[in-house]
Every structure is written in structure tokens, then in C-alpha cells.
Amino acid sequence: MDPLVTRSTYRVLLLRGLTPTEAANLTAFMCGIPIAEVHWSLRQVNQLLFLRELALTGRSGPFDG
């Protein structure tokens, strides 16, 4: 999911009555991010997805910053 999709998913979940934390955690779960005992924010979800994309495309590796 890209940030625009996560943002719209998050908004729909808020409109359905979820709290911001619940909506962000469900969005994270839908993106394949483990949620266990973590309370994600939408910003954190998008940051993780960005970093995941960098790693998957080879633009970031174990020796980068």
C-alpha cells in the first residue's frame, strides 16, 4: 500500500467508529506489519512501508546509514 491508500484506509476506519490507534493498527495489519503489543500511528506505518520498499528494491542495504 502506498501512503495515499493507507491514508484513505485509515480515514474510512475512523469514519466506521474506530479510534485513531485502532485504525492505524488495523491499517498496519492489512499491510503485513506485525501489531502484537505495539500501538502504531499512521505516520509510523507509512515510514515502515517506505523503508520496506527501499529494502525490497535494493536501494537500502545492511551497510547503509
N, C-alpha and C. Protein backbone atom coordinates (compact mmCIF):
# COMPACT_ATOMS: atom_id res chain seq x y z
N MET A 1 0.85 -1.19 0.00
CA MET A 1 0.00 0.00 0.00
C MET A 1 0.88 1.23 0.00
N ASP A 2 0.50 2.21 -0.75
CA ASP A 2 1.24 3.46 -0.72
C ASP A 2 0.60 4.41 0.30
N PRO A 3 1.27 5.52 0.63
CA PRO A 3 0.74 6.43 1.66
C PRO A 3 -0.67 6.94 1.36
N LEU A 4 -1.01 7.14 0.09
CA LEU A 4 -2.37 7.61 -0.22
C LEU A 4 -3.41 6.55 0.12
N VAL A 5 -3.08 5.30 -0.16
CA VAL A 5 -4.01 4.21 0.14
C VAL A 5 -4.12 4.01 1.65
N THR A 6 -3.01 4.07 2.34
CA THR A 6 -3.07 3.90 3.80
C THR A 6 -3.85 5.03 4.44
N ARG A 7 -3.67 6.22 3.92
CA ARG A 7 -4.39 7.37 4.48
C ARG A 7 -5.90 7.23 4.27
N SER A 8 -6.31 6.81 3.08
CA SER A 8 -7.75 6.66 2.84
C SER A 8 -8.32 5.48 3.63
N THR A 9 -7.55 4.41 3.75
CA THR A 9 -8.00 3.27 4.56
C THR A 9 -8.18 3.71 6.01
N TYR A 10 -7.22 4.43 6.52
CA TYR A 10 -7.25 4.95 7.88
C TYR A 10 -8.50 5.83 8.09
N ARG A 11 -8.76 6.73 7.14
CA ARG A 11 -9.92 7.62 7.25
C ARG A 11 -11.23 6.85 7.27
N VAL A 12 -11.34 5.85 6.40
CA VAL A 12 -12.56 5.04 6.36
C VAL A 12 -12.77 4.34 7.70
N LEU A 13 -11.69 3.80 8.25
CA LEU A 13 -11.80 3.12 9.54
C LEU A 13 -12.22 4.08 10.65
N LEU A 14 -11.71 5.31 10.61
CA LEU A 14 -12.13 6.31 11.59
C LEU A 14 -13.61 6.62 11.44
N LEU A 15 -14.07 6.74 10.20
CA LEU A 15 -15.48 7.02 9.96
C LEU A 15 -16.38 5.87 10.41
N ARG A 16 -15.82 4.66 10.45
CA ARG A 16 -16.59 3.49 10.90
C ARG A 16 -16.61 3.38 12.43
N GLY A 17 -15.93 4.31 13.12
CA GLY A 17 -16.01 4.34 14.57
C GLY A 17 -14.78 3.85 15.32
N LEU A 18 -13.72 3.48 14.61
CA LEU A 18 -12.51 3.05 15.30
C LEU A 18 -11.77 4.26 15.84
N THR A 19 -11.03 4.05 16.92
CA THR A 19 -10.19 5.11 17.46
C THR A 19 -8.98 5.27 16.53
N PRO A 20 -8.26 6.39 16.62
CA PRO A 20 -7.08 6.56 15.78
C PRO A 20 -6.05 5.43 15.93
N THR A 21 -5.84 4.97 17.15
CA THR A 21 -4.89 3.87 17.37
C THR A 21 -5.40 2.58 16.75
N GLU A 22 -6.68 2.29 16.93
CA GLU A 22 -7.25 1.08 16.34
C GLU A 22 -7.17 1.12 14.81
N ALA A 23 -7.48 2.28 14.24
CA ALA A 23 -7.45 2.43 12.79
C ALA A 23 -6.03 2.28 12.26
N ALA A 24 -5.05 2.85 12.93
CA ALA A 24 -3.66 2.74 12.50
C ALA A 24 -3.17 1.30 12.63
N ASN A 25 -3.52 0.64 13.74
CA ASN A 25 -3.10 -0.75 13.92
C ASN A 25 -3.73 -1.67 12.88
N LEU A 26 -4.99 -1.48 12.56
CA LEU A 26 -5.63 -2.30 11.55
C LEU A 26 -5.03 -2.03 10.17
N THR A 27 -4.72 -0.78 9.89
CA THR A 27 -4.06 -0.44 8.63
C THR A 27 -2.69 -1.12 8.56
N ALA A 28 -1.95 -1.09 9.66
CA ALA A 28 -0.64 -1.76 9.70
C ALA A 28 -0.81 -3.25 9.46
N PHE A 29 -1.77 -3.87 10.11
CA PHE A 29 -2.02 -5.29 9.95
C PHE A 29 -2.34 -5.62 8.49
N MET A 30 -3.16 -4.80 7.85
CA MET A 30 -3.53 -5.02 6.46
C MET A 30 -2.33 -4.89 5.52
N CYS A 31 -1.29 -4.17 5.97
CA CYS A 31 -0.07 -4.01 5.18
C CYS A 31 0.97 -5.07 5.51
N GLY A 32 0.63 -5.99 6.41
CA GLY A 32 1.56 -7.05 6.77
C GLY A 32 2.56 -6.68 7.84
N ILE A 33 2.27 -5.62 8.57
CA ILE A 33 3.15 -5.19 9.66
C ILE A 33 2.64 -5.82 10.95
N PRO A 34 3.52 -6.52 11.69
CA PRO A 34 3.08 -7.14 12.95
C PRO A 34 2.58 -6.09 13.93
N ILE A 35 1.52 -6.41 14.64
CA ILE A 35 0.97 -5.42 15.56
C ILE A 35 1.07 -5.84 17.02
N ALA A 36 1.25 -7.11 17.32
CA ALA A 36 1.40 -7.65 18.68
C ALA A 36 0.99 -6.65 19.77
N GLU A 37 1.95 -6.14 20.50
CA GLU A 37 1.67 -5.22 21.60
C GLU A 37 2.02 -3.77 21.24
N VAL A 38 2.23 -3.51 19.97
CA VAL A 38 2.64 -2.18 19.52
C VAL A 38 1.41 -1.37 19.12
N HIS A 39 1.43 -0.10 19.44
CA HIS A 39 0.38 0.81 19.03
C HIS A 39 0.97 1.75 17.99
N TRP A 40 0.65 1.49 16.71
CA TRP A 40 1.21 2.25 15.61
C TRP A 40 0.43 3.53 15.37
N SER A 41 1.12 4.51 14.80
CA SER A 41 0.44 5.69 14.26
C SER A 41 0.48 5.55 12.75
N LEU A 42 -0.36 6.28 12.06
CA LEU A 42 -0.37 6.21 10.60
C LEU A 42 0.98 6.65 10.04
N ARG A 43 1.59 7.65 10.63
CA ARG A 43 2.91 8.11 10.19
C ARG A 43 3.94 6.99 10.29
N GLN A 44 3.94 6.27 11.39
CA GLN A 44 4.88 5.16 11.57
C GLN A 44 4.64 4.05 10.55
N VAL A 45 3.38 3.76 10.27
CA VAL A 45 3.04 2.74 9.27
C VAL A 45 3.62 3.15 7.92
N ASN A 46 3.40 4.40 7.52
CA ASN A 46 3.92 4.87 6.24
C ASN A 46 5.44 4.86 6.21
N GLN A 47 6.09 5.20 7.31
CA GLN A 47 7.55 5.17 7.37
C GLN A 47 8.06 3.73 7.21
N LEU A 48 7.43 2.79 7.87
CA LEU A 48 7.84 1.39 7.74
C LEU A 48 7.64 0.88 6.32
N LEU A 49 6.54 1.25 5.70
CA LEU A 49 6.29 0.84 4.32
C LEU A 49 7.33 1.44 3.37
N PHE A 50 7.73 2.68 3.63
CA PHE A 50 8.77 3.32 2.83
C PHE A 50 10.09 2.58 2.97
N LEU A 51 10.47 2.28 4.19
CA LEU A 51 11.72 1.56 4.43
C LEU A 51 11.68 0.15 3.85
N ARG A 52 10.52 -0.50 3.93
CA ARG A 52 10.36 -1.83 3.34
C ARG A 52 10.57 -1.76 1.83
N GLU A 53 10.01 -0.75 1.19
CA GLU A 53 10.15 -0.59 -0.25
C GLU A 53 11.61 -0.35 -0.64
N LEU A 54 12.31 0.47 0.14
CA LEU A 54 13.73 0.69 -0.12
C LEU A 54 14.51 -0.61 -0.04
N ALA A 55 14.24 -1.40 0.96
CA ALA A 55 14.95 -2.67 1.13
C ALA A 55 14.61 -3.65 0.00
N LEU A 56 13.33 -3.71 -0.38
CA LEU A 56 12.91 -4.65 -1.43
C LEU A 56 13.47 -4.29 -2.79
N THR A 57 13.67 -3.01 -3.04
CA THR A 57 14.17 -2.58 -4.35
C THR A 57 15.69 -2.47 -4.38
N GLY A 58 16.33 -2.78 -3.27
CA GLY A 58 17.79 -2.76 -3.23
C GLY A 58 18.38 -1.38 -3.08
N ARG A 59 17.56 -0.40 -2.76
CA ARG A 59 18.09 0.96 -2.59
C ARG A 59 18.56 1.23 -1.17
N SER A 60 18.43 0.25 -0.32
CA SER A 60 18.91 0.36 1.05
C SER A 60 19.36 -1.03 1.46
N GLY A 61 20.48 -1.07 2.10
CA GLY A 61 21.01 -2.36 2.48
C GLY A 61 21.52 -2.36 3.90
N PRO A 62 22.11 -3.48 4.31
CA PRO A 62 22.55 -3.59 5.70
C PRO A 62 23.71 -2.66 6.05
N PHE A 63 24.39 -2.10 5.07
CA PHE A 63 25.53 -1.24 5.36
C PHE A 63 25.22 0.23 5.12
N ASP A 64 23.97 0.56 4.84
CA ASP A 64 23.57 1.96 4.64
C ASP A 64 23.18 2.55 5.98
N GLY A 65 23.66 3.79 6.24
CA GLY A 65 23.35 4.59 7.39
C GLY A 65 22.76 3.86 8.49
